[in-house]
Amino acid sequence: MSSITTHILDTSIGRPASGVPLILAKAGGGGWHTVGRGLTDIDGRCKSLLKKGKLTKGVYRLTFGVASYFKRTRQTAVYPAISVVFQVRDSRHHHVPLLLSPWGYSTYR
């Protein structure tokens, strides 16, 4: 399992959001550098964003490409992509869940 994982639940229909493309980037050198990519599975989870042992301290950005998901589920939505920026201060596992609807979202740790 990756040391950074996510889980997306579509609260508007009460189901996991599968097939959402993800990009994990890390800040450094004056910009963002992609360190992982993934796709949510049938349970809305992605456990393979970052190879085991590759987690280092720093600021990360997880971008959820939700436009394709909303199109596939025939929902009109305001957000084509959602980016969550978070800081890693230790080597513990970091789980970044997303509660999603066509008109809003929330995240927590």
PDB file of N, CA and C in Angstrom:
ATOM      1  N   MET A   1       0.844  -1.183   0.000  1.00  0.00           N
ATOM      2  CA  MET A   1       0.000   0.000   0.000  1.00  0.00           C
ATOM      3  C   MET A   1       0.886   1.242   0.000  1.00  0.00           C
ATOM      4  N   SER A   2       0.438   2.239  -0.692  1.00  0.00           N
ATOM      5  CA  SER A   2       1.122   3.530  -0.756  1.00  0.00           C
ATOM      6  C   SER A   2       1.094   4.209   0.606  1.00  0.00           C
ATOM      7  N   SER A   3       2.052   5.075   0.850  1.00  0.00           N
ATOM      8  CA  SER A   3       2.057   5.832   2.102  1.00  0.00           C
ATOM      9  C   SER A   3       1.126   7.050   2.030  1.00  0.00           C
ATOM     10  N   ILE A   4       0.573   7.338   0.850  1.00  0.00           N
ATOM     11  CA  ILE A   4      -0.495   8.326   0.677  1.00  0.00           C
ATOM     12  C   ILE A   4      -1.617   7.627  -0.083  1.00  0.00           C
ATOM     13  N   THR A   5      -2.804   7.612   0.517  1.00  0.00           N
ATOM     14  CA  THR A   5      -3.953   6.978  -0.123  1.00  0.00           C
ATOM     15  C   THR A   5      -5.133   7.941  -0.106  1.00  0.00           C
ATOM     16  N   THR A   6      -6.176   7.579  -0.863  1.00  0.00           N
ATOM     17  CA  THR A   6      -7.393   8.393  -0.879  1.00  0.00           C
ATOM     18  C   THR A   6      -8.607   7.508  -1.048  1.00  0.00           C
ATOM     19  N   HIS A   7      -9.747   8.080  -0.778  1.00  0.00           N
ATOM     20  CA  HIS A   7     -11.030   7.407  -0.911  1.00  0.00           C
ATOM     21  C   HIS A   7     -12.052   8.491  -1.256  1.00  0.00           C
ATOM     22  N   ILE A   8     -12.821   8.304  -2.313  1.00  0.00           N
ATOM     23  CA  ILE A   8     -13.812   9.305  -2.723  1.00  0.00           C
ATOM     24  C   ILE A   8     -15.211   8.716  -2.598  1.00  0.00           C
ATOM     25  N   LEU A   9     -16.060   9.422  -1.869  1.00  0.00           N
ATOM     26  CA  LEU A   9     -17.468   9.051  -1.768  1.00  0.00           C
ATOM     27  C   LEU A   9     -18.308  10.159  -2.380  1.00  0.00           C
ATOM     28  N   ASP A  10     -19.197   9.788  -3.291  1.00  0.00           N
ATOM     29  CA  ASP A  10     -20.124  10.738  -3.892  1.00  0.00           C
ATOM     30  C   ASP A  10     -21.333  10.799  -2.973  1.00  0.00           C
ATOM     31  N   THR A  11     -21.412  11.833  -2.169  1.00  0.00           N
ATOM     32  CA  THR A  11     -22.486  11.948  -1.189  1.00  0.00           C
ATOM     33  C   THR A  11     -23.839  12.245  -1.828  1.00  0.00           C
ATOM     34  N   SER A  12     -23.857  12.700  -3.073  1.00  0.00           N
ATOM     35  CA  SER A  12     -25.132  13.008  -3.737  1.00  0.00           C
ATOM     36  C   SER A  12     -25.888  11.746  -4.134  1.00  0.00           C
ATOM     37  N   ILE A  13     -25.166  10.657  -4.322  1.00  0.00           N
ATOM     38  CA  ILE A  13     -25.818   9.394  -4.679  1.00  0.00           C
ATOM     39  C   ILE A  13     -25.519   8.290  -3.666  1.00  0.00           C
ATOM     40  N   GLY A  14     -24.703   8.601  -2.669  1.00  0.00           N
ATOM     41  CA  GLY A  14     -24.411   7.630  -1.617  1.00  0.00           C
ATOM     42  C   GLY A  14     -23.563   6.456  -2.064  1.00  0.00           C
ATOM     43  N   ARG A  15     -22.625   6.702  -2.980  1.00  0.00           N
ATOM     44  CA  ARG A  15     -21.777   5.621  -3.514  1.00  0.00           C
ATOM     45  C   ARG A  15     -20.335   6.082  -3.676  1.00  0.00           C
ATOM     46  N   PRO A  16     -19.418   5.120  -3.739  1.00  0.00           N
ATOM     47  CA  PRO A  16     -18.022   5.475  -4.033  1.00  0.00           C
ATOM     48  C   PRO A  16     -17.909   6.026  -5.449  1.00  0.00           C
ATOM     49  N   ALA A  17     -16.939   6.897  -5.652  1.00  0.00           N
ATOM     50  CA  ALA A  17     -16.675   7.466  -6.979  1.00  0.00           C
ATOM     51  C   ALA A  17     -15.523   6.696  -7.620  1.00  0.00           C
ATOM     52  N   SER A  18     -15.865   5.807  -8.526  1.00  0.00           N
ATOM     53  CA  SER A  18     -14.846   4.993  -9.186  1.00  0.00           C
ATOM     54  C   SER A  18     -14.386   5.641 -10.489  1.00  0.00           C
ATOM     55  N   GLY A  19     -13.182   5.273 -10.907  1.00  0.00           N
ATOM     56  CA  GLY A  19     -12.654   5.745 -12.184  1.00  0.00           C
ATOM     57  C   GLY A  19     -12.218   7.185 -12.214  1.00  0.00           C
ATOM     58  N   VAL A  20     -11.932   7.771 -11.055  1.00  0.00           N
ATOM     59  CA  VAL A  20     -11.481   9.164 -11.006  1.00  0.00           C
ATOM     60  C   VAL A  20      -9.957   9.200 -11.139  1.00  0.00           C
ATOM     61  N   PRO A  21      -9.425   9.904 -12.148  1.00  0.00           N
ATOM     62  CA  PRO A  21      -7.976  10.018 -12.289  1.00  0.00           C
ATOM     63  C   PRO A  21      -7.395  10.944 -11.219  1.00  0.00           C
ATOM     64  N   LEU A  22      -6.220  10.586 -10.721  1.00  0.00           N
ATOM     65  CA  LEU A  22      -5.560  11.314  -9.643  1.00  0.00           C
ATOM     66  C   LEU A  22      -4.128  11.645 -10.024  1.00  0.00           C
ATOM     67  N   ILE A  23      -3.675  12.810  -9.601  1.00  0.00           N
ATOM     68  CA  ILE A  23      -2.276  13.192  -9.775  1.00  0.00           C
ATOM     69  C   ILE A  23      -1.757  13.671  -8.432  1.00  0.00           C
ATOM     70  N   LEU A  24      -0.653  13.074  -7.985  1.00  0.00           N
ATOM     71  CA  LEU A  24      -0.002  13.488  -6.750  1.00  0.00           C
ATOM     72  C   LEU A  24       1.275  14.231  -7.122  1.00  0.00           C
ATOM     73  N   ALA A  25       1.405  15.450  -6.619  1.00  0.00           N
ATOM     74  CA  ALA A  25       2.585  16.272  -6.912  1.00  0.00           C
ATOM     75  C   ALA A  25       3.188  16.750  -5.594  1.00  0.00           C
ATOM     76  N   LYS A  26       4.483  17.050  -5.643  1.00  0.00           N
ATOM     77  CA  LYS A  26       5.190  17.565  -4.475  1.00  0.00           C
ATOM     78  C   LYS A  26       5.813  18.907  -4.847  1.00  0.00           C
ATOM     79  N   ALA A  27       5.728  19.857  -3.916  1.00  0.00           N
ATOM     80  CA  ALA A  27       6.321  21.178  -4.136  1.00  0.00           C
ATOM     81  C   ALA A  27       7.829  21.095  -3.957  1.00  0.00           C
ATOM     82  N   GLY A  28       8.524  21.810  -4.820  1.00  0.00           N
ATOM     83  CA  GLY A  28       9.979  21.860  -4.709  1.00  0.00           C
ATOM     84  C   GLY A  28      10.598  22.545  -5.897  1.00  0.00           C
ATOM     85  N   GLY A  29      11.707  23.224  -5.666  1.00  0.00           N
ATOM     86  CA  GLY A  29      12.399  23.886  -6.758  1.00  0.00           C
ATOM     87  C   GLY A  29      11.565  24.946  -7.445  1.00  0.00           C
ATOM     88  N   GLY A  30      10.684  25.606  -6.712  1.00  0.00           N
ATOM     89  CA  GLY A  30       9.873  26.672  -7.291  1.00  0.00           C
ATOM     90  C   GLY A  30       8.648  26.226  -8.054  1.00  0.00           C
ATOM     91  N   GLY A  31       8.296  24.946  -7.961  1.00  0.00           N
ATOM     92  CA  GLY A  31       7.112  24.470  -8.679  1.00  0.00           C
ATOM     93  C   GLY A  31       6.617  23.151  -8.132  1.00  0.00           C
ATOM     94  N   TRP A  32       5.734  22.517  -8.881  1.00  0.00           N
ATOM     95  CA  TRP A  32       5.167  21.225  -8.511  1.00  0.00           C
ATOM     96  C   TRP A  32       5.743  20.151  -9.417  1.00  0.00           C
ATOM     97  N   HIS A  33       6.060  18.999  -8.822  1.00  0.00           N
ATOM     98  CA  HIS A  33       6.634  17.880  -9.572  1.00  0.00           C
ATOM     99  C   HIS A  33       5.788  16.634  -9.323  1.00  0.00           C
ATOM    100  N   THR A  34       5.287  16.029 -10.397  1.00  0.00           N
ATOM    101  CA  THR A  34       4.452  14.842 -10.270  1.00  0.00           C
ATOM    102  C   THR A  34       5.261  13.697  -9.687  1.00  0.00           C
ATOM    103  N   VAL A  35       4.736  13.096  -8.618  1.00  0.00           N
ATOM    104  CA  VAL A  35       5.405  11.964  -7.969  1.00  0.00           C
ATOM    105  C   VAL A  35       4.554  10.700  -8.011  1.00  0.00           C
ATOM    106  N   GLY A  36       3.304  10.825  -8.478  1.00  0.00           N
ATOM    107  CA  GLY A  36       2.446   9.652  -8.572  1.00  0.00           C
ATOM    108  C   GLY A  36       1.167   9.946  -9.332  1.00  0.00           C
ATOM    109  N   ARG A  37       0.612   8.879  -9.877  1.00  0.00           N
ATOM    110  CA  ARG A  37      -0.669   8.953 -10.589  1.00  0.00           C
ATOM    111  C   ARG A  37      -1.476   7.719 -10.223  1.00  0.00           C
ATOM    112  N   GLY A  38      -2.778   7.840 -10.335  1.00  0.00           N
ATOM    113  CA  GLY A  38      -3.617   6.694 -10.036  1.00  0.00           C
ATOM    114  C   GLY A  38      -5.024   6.890 -10.545  1.00  0.00           C
ATOM    115  N   LEU A  39      -5.857   5.908 -10.242  1.00  0.00           N
ATOM    116  CA  LEU A  39      -7.253   5.896 -10.648  1.00  0.00           C
ATOM    117  C   LEU A  39      -8.028   5.218  -9.518  1.00  0.00           C
ATOM    118  N   THR A  40      -9.155   5.797  -9.115  1.00  0.00           N
ATOM    119  CA  THR A  40      -9.910   5.155  -8.048  1.00  0.00           C
ATOM    120  C   THR A  40     -10.547   3.859  -8.549  1.00  0.00           C
ATOM    121  N   ASP A  41     -10.571   2.859  -7.660  1.00  0.00           N
ATOM    122  CA  ASP A  41     -11.142   1.560  -8.006  1.00  0.00           C
ATOM    123  C   ASP A  41     -12.657   1.563  -7.799  1.00  0.00           C
ATOM    124  N   ILE A  42     -13.270   0.427  -7.904  1.00  0.00           N
ATOM    125  CA  ILE A  42     -14.732   0.316  -7.794  1.00  0.00           C
ATOM    126  C   ILE A  42     -15.251   0.764  -6.432  1.00  0.00           C
ATOM    127  N   ASP A  43     -14.383   0.726  -5.401  1.00  0.00           N
ATOM    128  CA  ASP A  43     -14.757   1.184  -4.066  1.00  0.00           C
ATOM    129  C   ASP A  43     -14.379   2.645  -3.832  1.00  0.00           C
ATOM    130  N   GLY A  44     -13.943   3.352  -4.891  1.00  0.00           N
ATOM    131  CA  GLY A  44     -13.569   4.755  -4.776  1.00  0.00           C
ATOM    132  C   GLY A  44     -12.221   4.973  -4.117  1.00  0.00           C
ATOM    133  N   ARG A  45     -11.417   3.925  -4.027  1.00  0.00           N
ATOM    134  CA  ARG A  45     -10.122   4.004  -3.342  1.00  0.00           C
ATOM    135  C   ARG A  45      -8.954   3.957  -4.325  1.00  0.00           C
ATOM    136  N   CYS A  46      -7.864   4.560  -3.917  1.00  0.00           N
ATOM    137  CA  CYS A  46      -6.607   4.432  -4.649  1.00  0.00           C
ATOM    138  C   CYS A  46      -5.509   4.210  -3.618  1.00  0.00           C
ATOM    139  N   LYS A  47      -4.876   3.052  -3.720  1.00  0.00           N
ATOM    140  CA  LYS A  47      -3.841   2.667  -2.757  1.00  0.00           C
ATOM    141  C   LYS A  47      -2.453   2.655  -3.378  1.00  0.00           C
ATOM    142  N   SER A  48      -2.327   3.163  -4.599  1.00  0.00           N
ATOM    143  CA  SER A  48      -1.048   3.052  -5.304  1.00  0.00           C
ATOM    144  C   SER A  48      -0.534   4.382  -5.847  1.00  0.00           C
ATOM    145  N   LEU A  49      -0.746   5.459  -5.113  1.00  0.00           N
ATOM    146  CA  LEU A  49      -0.308   6.778  -5.586  1.00  0.00           C
ATOM    147  C   LEU A  49       1.195   6.984  -5.483  1.00  0.00           C
ATOM    148  N   LEU A  50       1.780   6.503  -4.415  1.00  0.00           N
ATOM    149  CA  LEU A  50       3.196   6.749  -4.144  1.00  0.00           C
ATOM    150  C   LEU A  50       3.843   5.432  -3.742  1.00  0.00           C
ATOM    151  N   LYS A  51       4.950   5.100  -4.382  1.00  0.00           N
ATOM    152  CA  LYS A  51       5.620   3.845  -4.065  1.00  0.00           C
ATOM    153  C   LYS A  51       6.054   3.817  -2.609  1.00  0.00           C
ATOM    154  N   LYS A  52       5.950   2.644  -2.016  1.00  0.00           N
ATOM    155  CA  LYS A  52       6.317   2.469  -0.614  1.00  0.00           C
ATOM    156  C   LYS A  52       7.762   2.917  -0.399  1.00  0.00           C
ATOM    157  N   GLY A  53       7.971   3.663   0.675  1.00  0.00           N
ATOM    158  CA  GLY A  53       9.308   4.137   0.995  1.00  0.00           C
ATOM    159  C   GLY A  53       9.683   5.443   0.334  1.00  0.00           C
ATOM    160  N   LYS A  54       8.799   6.020  -0.493  1.00  0.00           N
ATOM    161  CA  LYS A  54       9.096   7.261  -1.212  1.00  0.00           C
ATOM    162  C   LYS A  54       8.546   8.510  -0.534  1.00  0.00           C
ATOM    163  N   LEU A  55       7.845   8.340   0.591  1.00  0.00           N
ATOM    164  CA  LEU A  55       7.267   9.490   1.282  1.00  0.00           C
ATOM    165  C   LEU A  55       8.356  10.270   2.012  1.00  0.00           C
ATOM    166  N   THR A  56       8.426  11.542   1.722  1.00  0.00           N
ATOM    167  CA  THR A  56       9.362  12.437   2.407  1.00  0.00           C
ATOM    168  C   THR A  56       8.595  13.657   2.903  1.00  0.00           C
ATOM    169  N   LYS A  57       9.146  14.339   3.864  1.00  0.00           N
ATOM    170  CA  LYS A  57       8.508  15.548   4.387  1.00  0.00           C
ATOM    171  C   LYS A  57       8.369  16.580   3.275  1.00  0.00           C
ATOM    172  N   GLY A  58       7.309  17.374   3.368  1.00  0.00           N
ATOM    173  CA  GLY A  58       7.107  18.424   2.380  1.00  0.00           C
ATOM    174  C   GLY A  58       5.649  18.706   2.138  1.00  0.00           C
ATOM    175  N   VAL A  59       5.393  19.552   1.157  1.00  0.00           N
ATOM    176  CA  VAL A  59       4.033  19.946   0.785  1.00  0.00           C
ATOM    177  C   VAL A  59       3.645  19.181  -0.478  1.00  0.00           C
ATOM    178  N   TYR A  60       2.477  18.549  -0.425  1.00  0.00           N
ATOM    179  CA  TYR A  60       1.972  17.743  -1.529  1.00  0.00           C
ATOM    180  C   TYR A  60       0.646  18.315  -2.019  1.00  0.00           C
ATOM    181  N   ARG A  61       0.337  18.015  -3.282  1.00  0.00           N
ATOM    182  CA  ARG A  61      -0.949  18.400  -3.864  1.00  0.00           C
ATOM    183  C   ARG A  61      -1.559  17.168  -4.522  1.00  0.00           C
ATOM    184  N   LEU A  62      -2.757  16.825  -4.106  1.00  0.00           N
ATOM    185  CA  LEU A  62      -3.485  15.713  -4.707  1.00  0.00           C
ATOM    186  C   LEU A  62      -4.625  16.301  -5.536  1.00  0.00           C
ATOM    187  N   THR A  63      -4.576  16.071  -6.849  1.00  0.00           N
ATOM    188  CA  THR A  63      -5.592  16.612  -7.752  1.00  0.00           C
ATOM    189  C   THR A  63      -6.509  15.490  -8.213  1.00  0.00           C
ATOM    190  N   PHE A  64      -7.801  15.702  -8.000  1.00  0.00           N
ATOM    191  CA  PHE A  64      -8.839  14.750  -8.372  1.00  0.00           C
ATOM    192  C   PHE A  64      -9.471  15.239  -9.669  1.00  0.00           C
ATOM    193  N   GLY A  65      -9.341  14.496 -10.745  1.00  0.00           N
ATOM    194  CA  GLY A  65      -9.918  14.881 -12.041  1.00  0.00           C
ATOM    195  C   GLY A  65     -11.374  14.431 -12.134  1.00  0.00           C
ATOM    196  N   VAL A  66     -12.258  15.141 -11.452  1.00  0.00           N
ATOM    197  CA  VAL A  66     -13.641  14.697 -11.301  1.00  0.00           C
ATOM    198  C   VAL A  66     -14.536  14.964 -12.513  1.00  0.00           C
ATOM    199  N   ALA A  67     -14.093  15.748 -13.479  1.00  0.00           N
ATOM    200  CA  ALA A  67     -14.935  16.063 -14.646  1.00  0.00           C
ATOM    201  C   ALA A  67     -15.366  14.792 -15.374  1.00  0.00           C
ATOM    202  N   SER A  68     -14.454  13.868 -15.593  1.00  0.00           N
ATOM    203  CA  SER A  68     -14.788  12.630 -16.307  1.00  0.00           C
ATOM    204  C   SER A  68     -15.774  11.777 -15.505  1.00  0.00           C
ATOM    205  N   TYR A  69     -15.633  11.785 -14.193  1.00  0.00           N
ATOM    206  CA  TYR A  69     -16.556  11.043 -13.333  1.00  0.00           C
ATOM    207  C   TYR A  69     -17.975  11.626 -13.440  1.00  0.00           C
ATOM    208  N   PHE A  70     -18.092  12.943 -13.319  1.00  0.00           N
ATOM    209  CA  PHE A  70     -19.412  13.568 -13.405  1.00  0.00           C
ATOM    210  C   PHE A  70     -20.038  13.372 -14.786  1.00  0.00           C
ATOM    211  N   LYS A  71     -19.252  13.429 -15.812  1.00  0.00           N
ATOM    212  CA  LYS A  71     -19.772  13.202 -17.168  1.00  0.00           C
ATOM    213  C   LYS A  71     -20.297  11.775 -17.302  1.00  0.00           C
ATOM    214  N   ARG A  72     -19.498  10.820 -16.814  1.00  0.00           N
ATOM    215  CA  ARG A  72     -19.875   9.409 -16.906  1.00  0.00           C
ATOM    216  C   ARG A  72     -21.145   9.100 -16.105  1.00  0.00           C
ATOM    217  N   THR A  73     -21.338   9.797 -14.989  1.00  0.00           N
ATOM    218  CA  THR A  73     -22.518   9.557 -14.139  1.00  0.00           C
ATOM    219  C   THR A  73     -23.667  10.524 -14.474  1.00  0.00           C
ATOM    220  N   ARG A  74     -23.505  11.280 -15.546  1.00  0.00           N
ATOM    221  CA  ARG A  74     -24.537  12.203 -16.048  1.00  0.00           C
ATOM    222  C   ARG A  74     -24.989  13.211 -15.000  1.00  0.00           C
ATOM    223  N   GLN A  75     -23.994  13.784 -14.331  1.00  0.00           N
ATOM    224  CA  GLN A  75     -24.268  14.822 -13.352  1.00  0.00           C
ATOM    225  C   GLN A  75     -23.648  16.133 -13.839  1.00  0.00           C
ATOM    226  N   THR A  76     -24.379  17.216 -13.667  1.00  0.00           N
ATOM    227  CA  THR A  76     -23.843  18.539 -13.965  1.00  0.00           C
ATOM    228  C   THR A  76     -23.128  19.014 -12.707  1.00  0.00           C
ATOM    229  N   ALA A  77     -21.874  19.432 -12.860  1.00  0.00           N
ATOM    230  CA  ALA A  77     -21.087  19.814 -11.692  1.00  0.00           C
ATOM    231  C   ALA A  77     -20.347  21.117 -11.938  1.00  0.00           C
ATOM    232  N   VAL A  78     -20.005  21.784 -10.857  1.00  0.00           N
ATOM    233  CA  VAL A  78     -19.314  23.061 -10.940  1.00  0.00           C
ATOM    234  C   VAL A  78     -17.790  22.888 -10.935  1.00  0.00           C
ATOM    235  N   TYR A  79     -17.289  21.804 -10.376  1.00  0.00           N
ATOM    236  CA  TYR A  79     -15.835  21.604 -10.255  1.00  0.00           C
ATOM    237  C   TYR A  79     -15.334  20.554 -11.248  1.00  0.00           C
ATOM    238  N   PRO A  80     -14.510  20.937 -12.229  1.00  0.00           N
ATOM    239  CA  PRO A  80     -13.931  19.942 -13.135  1.00  0.00           C
ATOM    240  C   PRO A  80     -12.744  19.211 -12.503  1.00  0.00           C
ATOM    241  N   ALA A  81     -12.095  19.870 -11.544  1.00  0.00           N
ATOM    242  CA  ALA A  81     -10.966  19.263 -10.827  1.00  0.00           C
ATOM    243  C   ALA A  81     -10.931  19.855  -9.426  1.00  0.00           C
ATOM    244  N   ILE A  82     -10.446  19.055  -8.498  1.00  0.00           N
ATOM    245  CA  ILE A  82     -10.322  19.495  -7.114  1.00  0.00           C
ATOM    246  C   ILE A  82      -8.896  19.203  -6.669  1.00  0.00           C
ATOM    247  N   SER A  83      -8.217  20.207  -6.154  1.00  0.00           N
ATOM    248  CA  SER A  83      -6.863  20.027  -5.645  1.00  0.00           C
ATOM    249  C   SER A  83      -6.849  20.231  -4.140  1.00  0.00           C
ATOM    250  N   VAL A  84      -6.242  19.291  -3.454  1.00  0.00           N
ATOM    251  CA  VAL A  84      -6.084  19.368  -2.003  1.00  0.00           C
ATOM    252  C   VAL A  84      -4.593  19.448  -1.722  1.00  0.00           C
ATOM    253  N   VAL A  85      -4.183  20.519  -1.077  1.00  0.00           N
ATOM    254  CA  VAL A  85      -2.770  20.719  -0.735  1.00  0.00           C
ATOM    255  C   VAL A  85      -2.613  20.415   0.752  1.00  0.00           C
ATOM    256  N   PHE A  86      -1.629  19.583   1.082  1.00  0.00           N
ATOM    257  CA  PHE A  86      -1.427  19.186   2.470  1.00  0.00           C
ATOM    258  C   PHE A  86       0.063  19.020   2.761  1.00  0.00           C
ATOM    259  N   GLN A  87       0.385  19.060   4.023  1.00  0.00           N
ATOM    260  CA  GLN A  87       1.786  18.977   4.444  1.00  0.00           C
ATOM    261  C   GLN A  87       2.060  17.647   5.131  1.00  0.00           C
ATOM    262  N   VAL A  88       3.170  17.029   4.767  1.00  0.00           N
ATOM    263  CA  VAL A  88       3.638  15.805   5.407  1.00  0.00           C
ATOM    264  C   VAL A  88       4.785  16.189   6.334  1.00  0.00           C
ATOM    265  N   ARG A  89       4.598  15.898   7.609  1.00  0.00           N
ATOM    266  CA  ARG A  89       5.616  16.256   8.611  1.00  0.00           C
ATOM    267  C   ARG A  89       6.312  15.044   9.209  1.00  0.00           C
ATOM    268  N   ASP A  90       5.808  13.849   8.887  1.00  0.00           N
ATOM    269  CA  ASP A  90       6.415  12.625   9.419  1.00  0.00           C
ATOM    270  C   ASP A  90       6.213  11.498   8.410  1.00  0.00           C
ATOM    271  N   SER A  91       6.695  10.326   8.720  1.00  0.00           N
ATOM    272  CA  SER A  91       6.655   9.218   7.762  1.00  0.00           C
ATOM    273  C   SER A  91       5.430   8.317   7.931  1.00  0.00           C
ATOM    274  N   ARG A  92       4.476   8.736   8.762  1.00  0.00           N
ATOM    275  CA  ARG A  92       3.263   7.938   8.931  1.00  0.00           C
ATOM    276  C   ARG A  92       2.414   7.949   7.660  1.00  0.00           C
ATOM    277  N   HIS A  93       1.554   6.939   7.558  1.00  0.00           N
ATOM    278  CA  HIS A  93       0.619   6.853   6.444  1.00  0.00           C
ATOM    279  C   HIS A  93      -0.306   8.081   6.448  1.00  0.00           C
ATOM    280  N   HIS A  94      -0.551   8.649   5.280  1.00  0.00           N
ATOM    281  CA  HIS A  94      -1.446   9.796   5.130  1.00  0.00           C
ATOM    282  C   HIS A  94      -2.611   9.400   4.223  1.00  0.00           C
ATOM    283  N   HIS A  95      -3.812   9.510   4.757  1.00  0.00           N
ATOM    284  CA  HIS A  95      -5.025   9.196   3.999  1.00  0.00           C
ATOM    285  C   HIS A  95      -5.782  10.509   3.770  1.00  0.00           C
ATOM    286  N   VAL A  96      -6.075  10.810   2.510  1.00  0.00           N
ATOM    287  CA  VAL A  96      -6.729  12.065   2.148  1.00  0.00           C
ATOM    288  C   VAL A  96      -8.073  11.733   1.494  1.00  0.00           C
ATOM    289  N   PRO A  97      -9.139  11.590   2.300  1.00  0.00           N
ATOM    290  CA  PRO A  97     -10.446  11.268   1.743  1.00  0.00           C
ATOM    291  C   PRO A  97     -11.145  12.502   1.172  1.00  0.00           C
ATOM    292  N   LEU A  98     -12.052  12.253   0.231  1.00  0.00           N
ATOM    293  CA  LEU A  98     -12.820  13.339  -0.382  1.00  0.00           C
ATOM    294  C   LEU A  98     -14.290  12.947  -0.368  1.00  0.00           C
ATOM    295  N   LEU A  99     -15.119  13.809   0.213  1.00  0.00           N
ATOM    296  CA  LEU A  99     -16.573  13.675   0.130  1.00  0.00           C
ATOM    297  C   LEU A  99     -17.020  14.625  -0.966  1.00  0.00           C
ATOM    298  N   LEU A 100     -17.698  14.087  -1.959  1.00  0.00           N
ATOM    299  CA  LEU A 100     -17.931  14.799  -3.207  1.00  0.00           C
ATOM    300  C   LEU A 100     -19.417  14.892  -3.530  1.00  0.00           C
ATOM    301  N   SER A 101     -19.798  16.010  -4.118  1.00  0.00           N
ATOM    302  CA  SER A 101     -21.114  16.163  -4.729  1.00  0.00           C
ATOM    303  C   SER A 101     -20.925  17.108  -5.917  1.00  0.00           C
ATOM    304  N   PRO A 102     -21.898  17.223  -6.801  1.00  0.00           N
ATOM    305  CA  PRO A 102     -21.739  18.111  -7.946  1.00  0.00           C
ATOM    306  C   PRO A 102     -21.538  19.578  -7.568  1.00  0.00           C
ATOM    307  N   TRP A 103     -21.952  19.973  -6.372  1.00  0.00           N
ATOM    308  CA  TRP A 103     -21.918  21.384  -5.995  1.00  0.00           C
ATOM    309  C   TRP A 103     -21.013  21.694  -4.812  1.00  0.00           C
ATOM    310  N   GLY A 104     -20.274  20.708  -4.346  1.00  0.00           N
ATOM    311  CA  GLY A 104     -19.392  20.955  -3.206  1.00  0.00           C
ATOM    312  C   GLY A 104     -18.561  19.734  -2.868  1.00  0.00           C
ATOM    313  N   TYR A 105     -17.620  19.941  -1.979  1.00  0.00           N
ATOM    314  CA  TYR A 105     -16.780  18.839  -1.525  1.00  0.00           C
ATOM    315  C   TYR A 105     -16.205  19.183  -0.169  1.00  0.00           C
ATOM    316  N   SER A 106     -15.742  18.155   0.538  1.00  0.00           N
ATOM    317  CA  SER A 106     -15.002  18.375   1.778  1.00  0.00           C
ATOM    318  C   SER A 106     -13.958  17.277   1.911  1.00  0.00           C
ATOM    319  N   THR A 107     -12.962  17.574   2.701  1.00  0.00           N
ATOM    320  CA  THR A 107     -11.885  16.630   2.929  1.00  0.00           C
ATOM    321  C   THR A 107     -11.456  16.753   4.390  1.00  0.00           C
ATOM    322  N   TYR A 108     -10.745  15.770   4.858  1.00  0.00           N
ATOM    323  CA  TYR A 108     -10.301  15.761   6.252  1.00  0.00           C
ATOM    324  C   TYR A 108      -9.136  14.791   6.381  1.00  0.00           C
ATOM    325  N   ARG A 109      -8.548  14.757   7.539  1.00  0.00           N
ATOM    326  CA  ARG A 109      -7.503  13.759   7.800  1.00  0.00           C
ATOM    327  C   ARG A 109      -7.843  13.043   9.056  1.00  0.00           C
TER     328      ARG A 109
END
